[in-house]
Protein backbone atom coordinates (compact mmCIF):
# COMPACT_ATOMS: atom_id res chain seq x y z
CA ALA A 1 11.54 -14.44 -15.39
CA PRO A 2 7.96 -14.86 -16.61
CA GLY A 3 6.44 -18.32 -16.18
CA SER A 4 3.23 -18.18 -16.70
CA PHE A 5 0.52 -15.22 -18.18
CA VAL A 6 -3.40 -15.22 -17.95
CA VAL A 7 -6.33 -13.74 -18.90
CA LYS A 8 -8.29 -13.73 -15.81
CA GLU A 9 -10.82 -11.05 -16.66
CA ASN A 10 -11.56 -9.29 -20.31
CA GLY A 11 -14.56 -8.05 -20.16
CA PRO A 12 -16.22 -5.06 -21.39
CA CYS A 13 -15.29 -2.37 -18.30
CA ARG A 14 -12.20 -3.69 -17.41
CA THR A 15 -9.29 -6.50 -18.29
CA VAL A 16 -6.97 -8.24 -15.79
CA LEU A 17 -3.49 -9.66 -16.77
CA LYS A 18 -1.90 -12.22 -14.44
CA TRP A 19 2.32 -12.64 -14.64
CA THR A 20 3.44 -14.73 -12.88
CA GLY A 21 7.58 -16.26 -12.38
CA ASP A 22 10.78 -16.56 -10.16
CA LEU A 23 13.51 -13.89 -8.91
CA LEU A 24 16.22 -14.60 -10.45
CA GLN A 25 19.86 -13.87 -9.26
CA ALA A 26 22.49 -12.37 -11.08
CA ASP A 27 23.96 -15.45 -13.07
CA LYS A 28 20.28 -15.95 -13.73
CA LYS A 29 19.63 -19.00 -11.35
CA LYS A 30 16.46 -18.88 -9.37
CA SER A 31 16.58 -17.22 -6.40
CA GLY A 32 14.11 -19.07 -4.55
CA TRP A 33 11.34 -15.73 -4.65
CA SER A 34 8.26 -15.72 -6.71
CA TYR A 35 6.43 -12.77 -7.80
CA VAL A 36 2.40 -12.71 -9.17
CA LEU A 37 1.58 -9.03 -10.65
CA ARG A 38 -1.92 -8.25 -11.26
CA LEU A 39 -2.05 -5.44 -14.35
CA ARG A 40 -6.27 -4.40 -13.84
CA LEU A 41 -7.29 -1.72 -17.00
CA TRP A 42 -10.04 0.43 -17.47
CA THR A 43 -11.54 1.42 -20.38
CA GLY A 44 -11.21 5.20 -21.32
CA GLN A 45 -8.82 5.31 -18.41
CA ALA A 46 -5.31 5.98 -18.80
CA THR A 47 -4.51 4.57 -15.18
CA VAL A 48 -3.00 1.15 -15.15
CA GLY A 49 -3.00 -1.11 -11.74
CA LEU A 50 -0.34 -3.08 -10.15
CA SER A 51 -0.61 -5.14 -7.71
CA VAL A 52 3.12 -6.11 -6.34
CA THR A 53 3.34 -9.88 -4.93
CA VAL A 54 6.33 -11.67 -3.53
CA SER A 55 7.28 -14.46 -2.11
CA ASN A 56 9.72 -15.92 -0.42
CA ASN A 57 9.36 -19.78 -1.45
CA ARG A 58 12.02 -21.28 0.56
CA GLU A 59 11.28 -23.59 3.77
CA GLU A 60 14.56 -23.93 4.98
CA PRO A 61 16.39 -21.79 6.67
CA ALA A 62 13.14 -20.01 8.82
CA TYR A 63 14.05 -16.62 7.67
CA ARG A 64 15.98 -15.04 5.54
CA GLN A 65 16.63 -11.33 4.42
CA LEU A 66 16.02 -8.86 1.74
CA ARG A 67 17.82 -5.67 1.26
CA SER A 68 15.01 -3.93 -0.66
CA LEU A 69 12.19 -4.33 -3.84
CA ALA A 70 11.78 -1.96 -5.60
CA LEU A 71 9.64 -1.42 -9.36
CA ARG A 72 11.35 0.57 -12.01
CA LEU A 73 9.69 2.82 -14.81
CA PRO A 74 12.40 4.19 -17.69
CA SER A 75 11.24 7.85 -18.96
CA GLY A 76 12.58 7.45 -21.77
CA LYS A 77 12.85 10.69 -22.61
CA THR A 78 15.77 12.72 -23.68
CA ARG A 79 14.48 16.34 -22.36
CA PRO A 80 15.10 16.90 -18.57
CA LEU A 81 12.06 16.06 -16.22
CA SER A 82 9.83 18.05 -14.04
CA LEU A 83 9.33 16.43 -10.68
CA HIS A 84 6.87 16.90 -8.41
CA LEU A 85 5.93 14.80 -5.34
CA GLY A 86 3.06 15.40 -3.24
CA GLN A 87 -0.07 16.95 -3.11
CA GLY A 88 -1.94 20.63 -2.17
CA ASN A 89 0.04 22.81 0.02
CA ASP A 90 2.94 19.55 0.88
CA THR A 91 3.58 19.65 -2.85
CA PHE A 92 7.71 19.23 -3.81
CA SER A 93 9.49 20.14 -7.37
CA THR A 94 12.30 20.46 -9.70
CA ALA A 95 13.26 21.14 -12.66
CA ASN A 96 16.14 19.50 -13.20
CA GLY A 97 17.63 16.46 -10.82
CA SER A 98 16.45 13.82 -8.50
CA LEU A 99 14.16 13.81 -5.98
CA SER A 100 13.90 10.90 -3.37
CA LEU A 101 11.97 10.15 -0.96
CA LEU A 102 12.03 7.52 2.27
CA GLN A 103 9.19 7.30 4.54
CA ASP A 104 11.06 5.27 7.78
CA ASN A 105 8.32 5.07 10.03
CA ASP A 106 4.79 6.44 10.80
CA ASN A 107 5.26 10.63 11.49
CA HIS A 108 9.26 10.20 10.02
CA PHE A 109 9.77 11.25 6.19
CA VAL A 110 13.32 12.29 4.54
CA LEU A 111 12.70 13.81 1.48
CA THR A 112 16.49 14.74 -0.64
CA ILE A 113 16.32 17.74 -3.61
CA GLY A 114 19.44 17.01 -5.52
CA THR A 115 22.17 17.45 -3.17
CA GLU A 116 19.39 19.67 0.07
CA MET A 117 17.15 17.58 2.34
CA SER A 118 14.00 17.93 3.89
CA GLU A 119 12.25 15.94 6.96
CA GLY A 120 8.90 15.27 8.21
CA GLN A 121 5.80 13.38 9.49
CA ARG A 122 3.81 12.07 6.57
CA ALA A 123 3.70 11.94 2.49
CA VAL A 124 1.53 11.31 0.31
CA GLY A 125 3.37 9.13 -1.82
CA LEU A 126 2.43 10.85 -5.35
CA LEU A 127 4.88 11.32 -7.79
CA THR A 128 3.80 13.13 -11.24
CA ALA A 129 7.19 13.68 -13.93
CA GLN A 130 6.44 15.55 -17.22
CA ASP A 131 8.05 17.08 -19.62
CA ALA A 132 6.57 19.69 -22.31
CA ASP A 133 4.85 16.74 -24.10
CA SER A 134 3.91 14.08 -21.41
CA CYS A 135 3.21 13.38 -18.05
CA VAL A 136 2.92 10.16 -15.88
CA SER A 137 2.06 9.85 -12.38
CA VAL A 138 2.35 7.62 -9.54
CA PHE A 139 0.31 6.71 -6.90
CA VAL A 140 1.02 4.48 -4.25
CA PRO A 141 -2.48 3.88 -1.70
CA ASN A 142 -1.19 4.06 2.14
CA PHE A 143 2.32 5.22 1.11
CA TRP A 144 2.98 6.42 4.91
CA GLN A 145 0.82 3.45 6.96
CA THR A 146 2.66 0.75 5.13
CA TYR A 147 5.88 2.72 6.13
CA PRO A 148 9.40 1.93 4.74
CA SER A 149 8.24 2.94 1.92
CA GLY A 150 9.76 5.28 -0.75
CA LEU A 151 9.89 7.13 -4.37
CA THR A 152 13.27 7.92 -6.45
CA ALA A 153 12.68 10.33 -9.66
CA SER A 154 15.54 11.30 -11.87
CA ASP A 155 15.47 11.84 -15.97
CA ALA A 156 16.46 8.46 -16.12
CA GLY A 157 12.94 7.33 -14.94
CA ILE A 158 11.48 6.87 -11.70
CA GLU A 159 11.71 3.86 -9.41
CA THR A 160 8.73 2.82 -6.73
CA ARG A 161 10.23 1.43 -4.05
CA LEU A 162 7.89 -0.81 -1.94
CA LEU A 163 10.46 -2.12 0.31
CA PRO A 164 13.38 0.67 -0.10
CA PRO A 165 17.15 0.21 0.89
CA LEU A 166 17.65 1.18 4.71
CA PRO A 167 20.48 2.60 6.54
CA ALA A 168 22.18 -0.31 8.68
CA HIS A 169 22.14 2.37 12.02
CA LEU A 170 17.47 2.63 11.77
CA TYR A 171 16.21 2.58 14.75
CA GLU A 172 17.92 2.75 16.84
CA ASP A 173 17.00 5.47 18.78
CA GLU A 174 15.25 5.85 22.32
CA ALA A 175 12.30 5.62 21.41
CA SER A 176 12.51 3.24 18.36
CA ARG A 177 14.38 0.52 20.53
CA ALA A 178 10.95 1.32 23.10
CA ILE A 179 9.05 -0.56 20.80
CA PHE A 180 11.70 -2.31 18.97
CA ALA A 181 9.96 -6.06 19.48
CA ASP A 182 6.15 -5.20 18.10
CA ARG A 183 7.44 -2.48 15.38
CA TYR A 184 10.88 -3.27 13.76
CA ALA A 185 11.43 -7.39 14.81
CA TRP A 186 11.38 -7.28 11.05
CA TYR A 187 14.44 -5.00 10.75
CA ASP A 188 17.58 -6.16 11.10
CA ARG A 189 20.93 -4.12 9.97
CA GLY A 190 19.30 -2.51 7.16
CA ARG A 191 17.54 -5.45 5.65
CA TYR A 192 13.95 -7.24 5.90
CA ILE A 193 13.50 -10.18 7.21
CA PHE A 194 10.91 -13.04 5.97
CA ARG A 195 10.09 -16.21 7.10
CA ALA A 196 10.15 -18.87 4.91
CA GLY A 197 6.39 -19.07 3.10
CA GLN A 198 6.22 -14.97 3.65
CA THR A 199 4.28 -12.91 1.73
CA THR A 200 4.68 -9.33 1.08
CA GLN A 201 1.89 -7.38 -1.62
CA SER A 202 2.12 -3.76 -2.47
CA GLU A 203 -0.89 -1.58 -4.66
CA ILE A 204 0.20 1.32 -7.14
CA TYR A 205 -1.29 2.95 -9.92
CA LEU A 206 0.14 4.68 -13.08
CA SER A 207 -1.67 7.56 -15.25
CA TYR A 208 -0.44 8.78 -18.47
CA GLY A 209 -1.85 11.10 -20.16
CA LYS A 210 -0.38 15.02 -22.06
CA ALA A 211 1.00 17.42 -20.49
CA LYS A 212 -0.14 18.03 -17.84
CA SER A 213 0.05 20.47 -14.09
CA ALA A 214 -0.10 18.22 -10.95
CA VAL A 215 -2.37 19.37 -9.60
CA ALA A 216 -3.96 17.03 -12.04
CA ALA A 217 -2.02 14.05 -10.50
CA ALA A 218 -3.16 14.85 -6.71
CA ARG A 219 -7.24 15.12 -7.78
CA LYS A 220 -6.96 11.56 -9.49
CA SER A 221 -5.04 10.37 -6.33
CA ALA A 222 -7.54 11.74 -3.90
CA TRP A 223 -9.81 9.15 -6.20
CA LEU A 224 -7.92 6.73 -6.12
CA ALA A 225 -7.56 6.60 -2.28
CA GLU A 226 -10.77 6.71 -1.41
CA PRO A 227 -12.50 5.50 -4.84
CA LEU A 228 -16.58 4.13 -6.02
CA VAL A 229 -17.91 1.51 -3.94
CA PRO A 230 -20.53 -0.35 -5.20
CA GLN A 231 -23.40 -0.95 -2.18
CA ALA A 232 -26.47 -3.11 -2.76
CA PRO A 233 -29.21 -1.90 -0.03
CA PRO A 234 -28.84 -3.91 3.67
CA ALA A 235 -32.02 -5.46 3.23
CA TYR A 236 -31.42 -7.13 -0.15
CA LEU A 237 -27.38 -8.31 1.55
CA CYS A 238 -29.01 -10.27 4.88
CA SER A 239 -31.87 -11.10 3.12
CA THR A 240 -29.27 -13.76 1.24
CA GLY A 241 -29.22 -15.76 3.59
CA VAL A 242 -25.18 -16.58 2.46
CA LEU A 243 -24.01 -17.01 6.20
CA GLY A 244 -27.07 -19.22 6.90
CA ARG A 245 -28.36 -17.78 9.89
CA ALA A 246 -31.17 -14.80 9.76
CA ILE A 247 -29.64 -11.54 9.90
CA TYR A 248 -30.96 -8.14 10.23
CA PRO A 249 -30.77 -4.92 8.22
CA ARG A 250 -30.13 -2.30 11.60
CA THR A 251 -33.35 -1.30 13.06
CA LYS A 252 -33.92 0.99 16.20
CA GLY A 253 -35.69 -2.05 18.30
CA ILE A 254 -33.46 -4.93 16.64
CA TRP A 255 -29.89 -5.99 18.28
CA ASP A 256 -29.85 -2.35 19.79
CA LYS A 257 -27.27 -3.15 22.80
CA TYR A 258 -25.70 -5.21 20.02
CA ASP A 259 -24.95 -2.33 18.32
CA ASP A 260 -23.99 -0.05 20.96
CA LEU A 261 -21.71 -1.86 22.25
CA TYR A 262 -19.79 -2.79 18.47
CA ASP A 263 -20.09 1.04 17.75
CA ARG A 264 -17.97 2.18 20.73
CA SER A 265 -15.70 -0.73 20.52
CA TYR A 266 -14.83 -0.22 17.15
CA ASP A 267 -14.65 3.82 17.50
CA SER A 268 -11.88 2.95 20.13
CA MET A 269 -9.88 0.62 18.47
CA THR A 270 -9.64 2.50 15.72
CA ALA A 271 -8.43 5.06 17.51
CA HIS A 272 -6.23 3.12 19.86
CA THR A 273 -4.22 2.13 15.72
CA ASP A 274 -2.42 5.83 15.95
CA ALA A 275 -2.02 5.68 19.65
CA ALA A 276 0.02 1.99 19.37
CA ARG A 277 1.17 2.94 16.37
CA SER A 278 0.29 0.18 14.30
CA TYR A 279 1.02 1.02 11.17
CA GLY A 280 3.80 -0.23 8.89
CA TRP A 281 4.21 -3.38 6.17
CA LYS A 282 3.81 -6.14 8.53
CA HIS A 283 1.14 -4.36 11.03
CA TYR A 284 -0.86 -2.20 9.13
CA GLY A 285 -4.55 -3.30 9.08
CA ASP A 286 -3.88 -5.72 11.55
CA TRP A 287 -5.44 -5.21 15.76
CA HIS A 288 -3.19 -4.83 18.87
CA PHE A 289 -3.84 -5.51 22.64
CA GLY A 290 -2.38 -5.45 25.36
CA GLY A 291 1.38 -6.64 26.03
CA GLY A 292 2.42 -5.34 22.74
CA CYS A 293 0.08 -8.79 20.80
CA ALA A 294 -1.18 -8.83 17.64
CA GLY A 295 -4.71 -10.35 16.19
CA ASN A 296 -2.78 -11.24 13.26
CA ASN A 297 -6.06 -10.47 10.75
CA GLU A 298 -7.69 -13.77 12.24
CA TYR A 299 -11.21 -14.44 11.76
CA ASP A 300 -12.23 -12.24 14.46
CA LEU A 301 -12.16 -8.64 13.02
CA ALA A 302 -12.79 -9.34 9.14
CA TRP A 303 -16.43 -11.49 10.54
CA SER A 304 -17.38 -9.04 12.19
CA THR A 305 -16.92 -5.76 9.84
CA GLY A 306 -17.51 -7.44 6.96
CA LEU A 307 -21.02 -8.25 9.29
CA GLN A 308 -21.87 -4.55 10.01
CA TRP A 309 -20.93 -3.88 7.14
CA MET A 310 -23.97 -5.75 5.50
CA ARG A 311 -26.27 -5.25 8.44
CA THR A 312 -25.43 -0.83 8.04
CA GLY A 313 -24.06 -0.04 4.48
CA GLN A 314 -21.86 1.86 6.29
CA ARG A 315 -18.00 2.34 4.19
CA ARG A 316 -15.97 2.38 6.97
CA TYR A 317 -17.01 -1.97 7.39
CA LEU A 318 -15.85 -2.48 4.15
CA LEU A 319 -12.42 -1.06 3.92
CA ARG A 320 -11.91 -3.12 7.25
């Protein structure tokens, strides 16, 4: 139920619209869950960016459960749609039927096309539906990294499953049980556990156009996954004084020991991400250390990577 609407930005290149409101129960009463939807549009582009935020607003009980969370895009078509999932050599297609993808952990997905089921490791969150006249594609960045994730499509339209329905006995295999407390503690018999005040946020891109191949959609998604980032020279960033103290661009002879140590530490941390399986909707982007402990995105990492980005201009630090 829309509660408020505001135009956040309305510039020559970009417009940002924002809706907020409550998610309602079947009887139209407030559920205790709220949403924030931000819509981004760009001049001359047939792509729309969506940021979807859902929050558990109740203070009591301490924990609540959610079965699933999805965003539906009806097709409005009366003719069969051609469906394409993925990109490159990992594209799966069907000309007349339905398609469903579930990424249930960082190394496993299940794909169902019609009545045929297959499995794989890490899926690309790109789904394209087209007919003879038009085409729409849905792209979910970091699809496998933020599992569970899902995409489904049929002639009726596309459903982006931000938190997809899960089987009641998932993560019961030996390998999953060994890391359950660290990686799957949010799961309870097919439902998602939210603590009081907890929020989840997802990014989605919708691209529209005339009939075109899945190859064009794949090119677009590749760009959206690694967009251009404006970058001022490190010397200028360091000269602004915004950090309240003297900061130097990375220069030979200045802070050499710190820079060498930071390079080694950062490379070690990123290598450890895969080994420790630091992925999932509750963990991706965080950092982990011994004993299953997590940094919980405290200021240490954000501060140090922000500082190194200012000093070096390296994209990897800005995005981290």
